[in-house]
Amino acid sequence: MGKIILVTGGARSGKSSFAEKLALKIGNGRAVYIATAQVFDDEMNFRVKLHQSRRGDNWRTFEAPFAAEEKISEAGKNFNAILFDCVTIYVSNFLCAAELDDEKFLYDNLRELIQKLIDAALNSDATTIFVSNEVGFGIVPENKLARRFRDLAGLANQMLAAHADKVFLTVAGIAVDIKNLAKKI
């Protein structure tokens, strides 16, 4: 039975760096990196290269902007630790490819998409660390697409957190296990 860890926080909060260290610790120095980004411009190319520069030969990378549950299942057969970076990019990929006029379609299909990730992680022998941006701390976005993204990303985070053994919130490079704190209340 696999385990799930969710690492969330704001932009540039240290989520990925923390998750990378945690994955290598869990994986005894070896881990799989499931990359969800698609490179369409120079800015995203820079971000991808920044992430890649932190990883050495002890990482195996799978690119999975879609159908990432297949990569989780594959990686879970040979590795103890899987890093999925990131859920919000994965949600964005889904949203950009989806029929935008049907709210029910978006919510139903996103639930199905995230459940497939959860099922793949739990059915593996590995610990899967999902990295995701916390998008609910800001103001209500002014346009419909941004509101949909915020709402769908929030739903994905809630689903993952409900199944996670640990949920870390990162702020200024410091990670706090908020699921553990919630148990004490």
C-alpha atoms as a PDB file:
ATOM      1  CA  MET A   1       0.000   0.000   0.000  1.00  0.00           C
ATOM      2  CA  GLY A   2       1.469   3.302  -1.088  1.00  0.00           C
ATOM      3  CA  LYS A   3       1.592   6.501   0.905  1.00  0.00           C
ATOM      4  CA  ILE A   4       0.768  10.054  -0.121  1.00  0.00           C
ATOM      5  CA  ILE A   5       2.448  13.230   1.076  1.00  0.00           C
ATOM      6  CA  LEU A   6       1.185  16.645  -0.063  1.00  0.00           C
ATOM      7  CA  VAL A   7       3.553  19.622  -0.070  1.00  0.00           C
ATOM      8  CA  THR A   8       1.794  22.923  -0.634  1.00  0.00           C
ATOM      9  CA  GLY A   9       2.539  26.616  -0.256  1.00  0.00           C
ATOM     10  CA  GLY A  10       2.678  29.838  -2.192  1.00  0.00           C
ATOM     11  CA  ALA A  11       4.780  30.603  -5.232  1.00  0.00           C
ATOM     12  CA  ARG A  12       8.536  30.450  -4.547  1.00  0.00           C
ATOM     13  CA  SER A  13       7.923  29.193  -0.998  1.00  0.00           C
ATOM     14  CA  GLY A  14      10.428  26.319  -1.222  1.00  0.00           C
ATOM     15  CA  LYS A  15       7.911  23.555  -1.945  1.00  0.00           C
ATOM     16  CA  SER A  16       9.906  21.776  -4.629  1.00  0.00           C
ATOM     17  CA  SER A  17      13.265  22.017  -2.854  1.00  0.00           C
ATOM     18  CA  PHE A  18      11.764  20.589   0.318  1.00  0.00           C
ATOM     19  CA  ALA A  19       9.932  17.845  -1.599  1.00  0.00           C
ATOM     20  CA  GLU A  20      13.107  16.890  -3.495  1.00  0.00           C
ATOM     21  CA  LYS A  21      15.062  16.453  -0.245  1.00  0.00           C
ATOM     22  CA  LEU A  22      12.204  14.486   1.291  1.00  0.00           C
ATOM     23  CA  ALA A  23      11.929  12.200  -1.760  1.00  0.00           C
ATOM     24  CA  LEU A  24      15.643  11.401  -1.689  1.00  0.00           C
ATOM     25  CA  LYS A  25      15.460  10.687   2.041  1.00  0.00           C
ATOM     26  CA  ILE A  26      12.474   8.346   1.622  1.00  0.00           C
ATOM     27  CA  GLY A  27      14.009   6.734  -1.470  1.00  0.00           C
ATOM     28  CA  ASN A  28      17.434   6.163   0.123  1.00  0.00           C
ATOM     29  CA  GLY A  29      19.089   8.498  -2.359  1.00  0.00           C
ATOM     30  CA  ARG A  30      17.041   7.535  -5.449  1.00  0.00           C
ATOM     31  CA  ALA A  31      13.718   8.890  -6.634  1.00  0.00           C
ATOM     32  CA  VAL A  32      11.451   9.413  -9.604  1.00  0.00           C
ATOM     33  CA  TYR A  33      10.454  12.903 -10.704  1.00  0.00           C
ATOM     34  CA  ILE A  34       7.152  13.168 -12.574  1.00  0.00           C
ATOM     35  CA  ALA A  35       7.246  16.487 -14.398  1.00  0.00           C
ATOM     36  CA  THR A  36       3.895  17.925 -15.490  1.00  0.00           C
ATOM     37  CA  ALA A  37       5.022  21.153 -17.170  1.00  0.00           C
ATOM     38  CA  GLN A  38       4.797  21.804 -20.871  1.00  0.00           C
ATOM     39  CA  VAL A  39       7.277  24.325 -22.241  1.00  0.00           C
ATOM     40  CA  PHE A  40       5.580  26.916 -24.437  1.00  0.00           C
ATOM     41  CA  ASP A  41       7.719  29.984 -23.739  1.00  0.00           C
ATOM     42  CA  ASP A  42      11.058  31.231 -22.389  1.00  0.00           C
ATOM     43  CA  GLU A  43       9.732  31.770 -18.878  1.00  0.00           C
ATOM     44  CA  MET A  44       8.576  28.166 -18.494  1.00  0.00           C
ATOM     45  CA  ASN A  45      11.784  26.943 -20.107  1.00  0.00           C
ATOM     46  CA  PHE A  46      13.745  28.841 -17.419  1.00  0.00           C
ATOM     47  CA  ARG A  47      11.609  27.346 -14.628  1.00  0.00           C
ATOM     48  CA  VAL A  48      12.039  23.812 -15.956  1.00  0.00           C
ATOM     49  CA  LYS A  49      15.805  24.228 -16.265  1.00  0.00           C
ATOM     50  CA  LEU A  50      15.952  25.623 -12.718  1.00  0.00           C
ATOM     51  CA  HIS A  51      14.239  22.510 -11.373  1.00  0.00           C
ATOM     52  CA  GLN A  52      16.381  20.206 -13.513  1.00  0.00           C
ATOM     53  CA  SER A  53      19.584  21.843 -12.279  1.00  0.00           C
ATOM     54  CA  ARG A  54      18.855  20.669  -8.729  1.00  0.00           C
ATOM     55  CA  ARG A  55      18.571  17.017  -9.722  1.00  0.00           C
ATOM     56  CA  GLY A  56      21.470  14.680 -10.369  1.00  0.00           C
ATOM     57  CA  ASP A  57      21.924  11.140 -11.598  1.00  0.00           C
ATOM     58  CA  ASN A  58      19.969   9.729  -8.647  1.00  0.00           C
ATOM     59  CA  TRP A  59      16.728  10.956 -10.259  1.00  0.00           C
ATOM     60  CA  ARG A  60      14.743   9.323 -13.040  1.00  0.00           C
ATOM     61  CA  THR A  61      12.420  11.764 -14.779  1.00  0.00           C
ATOM     62  CA  PHE A  62       9.109  11.023 -16.470  1.00  0.00           C
ATOM     63  CA  GLU A  63       7.343  13.794 -18.354  1.00  0.00           C
ATOM     64  CA  ALA A  64       3.595  13.486 -17.868  1.00  0.00           C
ATOM     65  CA  PRO A  65       1.480  16.550 -18.635  1.00  0.00           C
ATOM     66  CA  PHE A  66      -1.457  14.135 -19.039  1.00  0.00           C
ATOM     67  CA  ALA A  67      -2.296  10.566 -17.859  1.00  0.00           C
ATOM     68  CA  ALA A  68       0.283  10.819 -15.089  1.00  0.00           C
ATOM     69  CA  GLU A  69      -1.345   7.986 -13.164  1.00  0.00           C
ATOM     70  CA  GLU A  70       0.316   5.636 -15.648  1.00  0.00           C
ATOM     71  CA  LYS A  71       3.749   6.997 -14.741  1.00  0.00           C
ATOM     72  CA  ILE A  72       3.006   6.726 -11.012  1.00  0.00           C
ATOM     73  CA  SER A  73       2.044   3.071 -11.489  1.00  0.00           C
ATOM     74  CA  GLU A  74       5.171   2.379 -13.549  1.00  0.00           C
ATOM     75  CA  ALA A  75       7.535   4.185 -11.176  1.00  0.00           C
ATOM     76  CA  GLY A  76       6.010   2.600  -8.098  1.00  0.00           C
ATOM     77  CA  LYS A  77       7.208  -0.815  -9.217  1.00  0.00           C
ATOM     78  CA  ASN A  78      10.901   0.080  -9.015  1.00  0.00           C
ATOM     79  CA  PHE A  79      11.267   3.080  -6.706  1.00  0.00           C
ATOM     80  CA  ASN A  80      10.367   3.859  -3.089  1.00  0.00           C
ATOM     81  CA  ALA A  81       9.834   7.578  -3.686  1.00  0.00           C
ATOM     82  CA  ILE A  82       7.994   9.467  -6.415  1.00  0.00           C
ATOM     83  CA  LEU A  83       7.890  13.261  -6.647  1.00  0.00           C
ATOM     84  CA  PHE A  84       4.956  14.664  -8.639  1.00  0.00           C
ATOM     85  CA  ASP A  85       5.682  18.306  -9.487  1.00  0.00           C
ATOM     86  CA  CYS A  86       3.243  19.877  -9.767  1.00  0.00           C
ATOM     87  CA  VAL A  87      -0.482  19.383  -9.267  1.00  0.00           C
ATOM     88  CA  THR A  88      -1.428  22.950 -10.180  1.00  0.00           C
ATOM     89  CA  ILE A  89       0.364  22.711 -13.525  1.00  0.00           C
ATOM     90  CA  TYR A  90      -1.424  19.382 -14.069  1.00  0.00           C
ATOM     91  CA  VAL A  91      -4.759  21.079 -13.306  1.00  0.00           C
ATOM     92  CA  SER A  92      -3.828  23.893 -15.690  1.00  0.00           C
ATOM     93  CA  ASN A  93      -3.042  21.350 -18.444  1.00  0.00           C
ATOM     94  CA  PHE A  94      -6.468  19.784 -17.887  1.00  0.00           C
ATOM     95  CA  LEU A  95      -8.240  23.141 -17.857  1.00  0.00           C
ATOM     96  CA  CYS A  96      -6.579  24.342 -21.064  1.00  0.00           C
ATOM     97  CA  ALA A  97      -7.525  21.111 -22.875  1.00  0.00           C
ATOM     98  CA  ALA A  98     -11.095  20.939 -21.522  1.00  0.00           C
ATOM     99  CA  GLU A  99     -14.457  22.187 -22.766  1.00  0.00           C
ATOM    100  CA  LEU A 100     -14.722  25.459 -20.854  1.00  0.00           C
ATOM    101  CA  ASP A 101     -18.472  26.081 -21.101  1.00  0.00           C
ATOM    102  CA  ASP A 102     -19.613  23.229 -18.889  1.00  0.00           C
ATOM    103  CA  GLU A 103     -18.923  23.692 -15.164  1.00  0.00           C
ATOM    104  CA  LYS A 104     -20.253  20.238 -14.242  1.00  0.00           C
ATOM    105  CA  PHE A 105     -17.950  18.656 -16.824  1.00  0.00           C
ATOM    106  CA  LEU A 106     -14.947  20.462 -15.372  1.00  0.00           C
ATOM    107  CA  TYR A 107     -15.642  19.499 -11.765  1.00  0.00           C
ATOM    108  CA  ASP A 108     -16.659  15.899 -12.517  1.00  0.00           C
ATOM    109  CA  ASN A 109     -13.694  15.280 -14.785  1.00  0.00           C
ATOM    110  CA  LEU A 110     -11.210  16.950 -12.465  1.00  0.00           C
ATOM    111  CA  ARG A 111     -12.432  14.779  -9.583  1.00  0.00           C
ATOM    112  CA  GLU A 112     -11.935  11.718 -11.790  1.00  0.00           C
ATOM    113  CA  LEU A 113      -8.487  12.905 -12.898  1.00  0.00           C
ATOM    114  CA  ILE A 114      -7.260  13.492  -9.335  1.00  0.00           C
ATOM    115  CA  GLN A 115      -8.833  10.257  -8.089  1.00  0.00           C
ATOM    116  CA  LYS A 116      -6.816   8.369 -10.712  1.00  0.00           C
ATOM    117  CA  LEU A 117      -3.626   9.930  -9.304  1.00  0.00           C
ATOM    118  CA  ILE A 118      -4.663   9.049  -5.750  1.00  0.00           C
ATOM    119  CA  ASP A 119      -5.548   5.465  -6.698  1.00  0.00           C
ATOM    120  CA  ALA A 120      -2.269   4.976  -8.570  1.00  0.00           C
ATOM    121  CA  ALA A 121      -0.283   6.323  -5.619  1.00  0.00           C
ATOM    122  CA  LEU A 122      -2.122   4.208  -3.048  1.00  0.00           C
ATOM    123  CA  ASN A 123      -1.887   1.068  -5.201  1.00  0.00           C
ATOM    124  CA  SER A 124       1.878   1.400  -5.615  1.00  0.00           C
ATOM    125  CA  ASP A 125       4.541   0.313  -3.160  1.00  0.00           C
ATOM    126  CA  ALA A 126       6.047   3.806  -3.114  1.00  0.00           C
ATOM    127  CA  THR A 127       5.517   7.058  -1.281  1.00  0.00           C
ATOM    128  CA  THR A 128       4.237   9.670  -3.728  1.00  0.00           C
ATOM    129  CA  ILE A 129       4.941  13.282  -2.843  1.00  0.00           C
ATOM    130  CA  PHE A 130       2.589  15.689  -4.598  1.00  0.00           C
ATOM    131  CA  VAL A 131       3.693  19.320  -4.868  1.00  0.00           C
ATOM    132  CA  SER A 132       0.908  21.864  -5.336  1.00  0.00           C
ATOM    133  CA  ASN A 133       0.478  25.601  -5.035  1.00  0.00           C
ATOM    134  CA  GLU A 134      -1.857  26.896  -2.367  1.00  0.00           C
ATOM    135  CA  VAL A 135      -4.081  29.185  -4.414  1.00  0.00           C
ATOM    136  CA  GLY A 136      -6.710  30.109  -1.835  1.00  0.00           C
ATOM    137  CA  PHE A 137      -4.840  32.772   0.123  1.00  0.00           C
ATOM    138  CA  GLY A 138      -5.374  35.572  -2.397  1.00  0.00           C
ATOM    139  CA  ILE A 139      -8.280  37.695  -3.504  1.00  0.00           C
ATOM    140  CA  VAL A 140     -11.039  36.374  -5.746  1.00  0.00           C
ATOM    141  CA  PRO A 141      -9.652  36.509  -9.304  1.00  0.00           C
ATOM    142  CA  GLU A 142     -11.301  39.017 -11.624  1.00  0.00           C
ATOM    143  CA  ASN A 143     -11.848  36.717 -14.591  1.00  0.00           C
ATOM    144  CA  LYS A 144     -13.765  33.483 -15.070  1.00  0.00           C
ATOM    145  CA  LEU A 145     -10.811  31.355 -16.205  1.00  0.00           C
ATOM    146  CA  ALA A 146      -8.693  32.372 -13.210  1.00  0.00           C
ATOM    147  CA  ARG A 147     -11.593  31.665 -10.823  1.00  0.00           C
ATOM    148  CA  ARG A 148     -12.093  28.243 -12.383  1.00  0.00           C
ATOM    149  CA  PHE A 149      -8.399  27.489 -12.030  1.00  0.00           C
ATOM    150  CA  ARG A 150      -8.376  28.569  -8.376  1.00  0.00           C
ATOM    151  CA  ASP A 151     -11.474  26.511  -7.608  1.00  0.00           C
ATOM    152  CA  LEU A 152     -10.256  23.378  -9.411  1.00  0.00           C
ATOM    153  CA  ALA A 153      -6.768  23.602  -7.886  1.00  0.00           C
ATOM    154  CA  GLY A 154      -8.349  24.006  -4.451  1.00  0.00           C
ATOM    155  CA  LEU A 155     -10.527  20.953  -5.049  1.00  0.00           C
ATOM    156  CA  ALA A 156      -7.500  18.911  -6.171  1.00  0.00           C
ATOM    157  CA  ASN A 157      -5.558  19.967  -3.063  1.00  0.00           C
ATOM    158  CA  GLN A 158      -8.453  19.014  -0.776  1.00  0.00           C
ATOM    159  CA  MET A 159      -8.791  15.594  -2.396  1.00  0.00           C
ATOM    160  CA  LEU A 160      -5.074  14.888  -2.088  1.00  0.00           C
ATOM    161  CA  ALA A 161      -4.908  16.177   1.488  1.00  0.00           C
ATOM    162  CA  ALA A 162      -7.796  13.931   2.525  1.00  0.00           C
ATOM    163  CA  HIS A 163      -5.789  10.858   1.422  1.00  0.00           C
ATOM    164  CA  ALA A 164      -2.364  12.103   2.518  1.00  0.00           C
ATOM    165  CA  ASP A 165      -0.479  10.683   5.458  1.00  0.00           C
ATOM    166  CA  LYS A 166       1.242  14.055   5.829  1.00  0.00           C
ATOM    167  CA  VAL A 167       0.514  17.533   4.483  1.00  0.00           C
ATOM    168  CA  PHE A 168       3.303  20.092   4.610  1.00  0.00           C
ATOM    169  CA  LEU A 169       2.778  23.838   4.191  1.00  0.00           C
ATOM    170  CA  THR A 170       5.939  25.655   3.120  1.00  0.00           C
ATOM    171  CA  VAL A 171       6.527  29.313   3.892  1.00  0.00           C
ATOM    172  CA  ALA A 172       9.865  31.058   3.271  1.00  0.00           C
ATOM    173  CA  GLY A 173      11.576  27.704   2.777  1.00  0.00           C
ATOM    174  CA  ILE A 174      10.266  26.253   6.043  1.00  0.00           C
ATOM    175  CA  ALA A 175       7.929  23.252   5.941  1.00  0.00           C
ATOM    176  CA  VAL A 176       5.370  22.600   8.672  1.00  0.00           C
ATOM    177  CA  ASP A 177       3.357  19.370   8.901  1.00  0.00           C
ATOM    178  CA  ILE A 178      -0.122  20.921   9.076  1.00  0.00           C
ATOM    179  CA  LYS A 179      -1.986  17.613   9.043  1.00  0.00           C
ATOM    180  CA  ASN A 180      -0.154  16.624  12.215  1.00  0.00           C
ATOM    181  CA  LEU A 181      -1.040  20.006  13.767  1.00  0.00           C
ATOM    182  CA  ALA A 182      -4.691  19.580  12.803  1.00  0.00           C
ATOM    183  CA  LYS A 183      -4.871  16.308  14.744  1.00  0.00           C
ATOM    184  CA  LYS A 184      -3.914  18.147  17.927  1.00  0.00           C
ATOM    185  CA  ILE A 185      -6.802  20.590  17.754  1.00  0.00           C
END
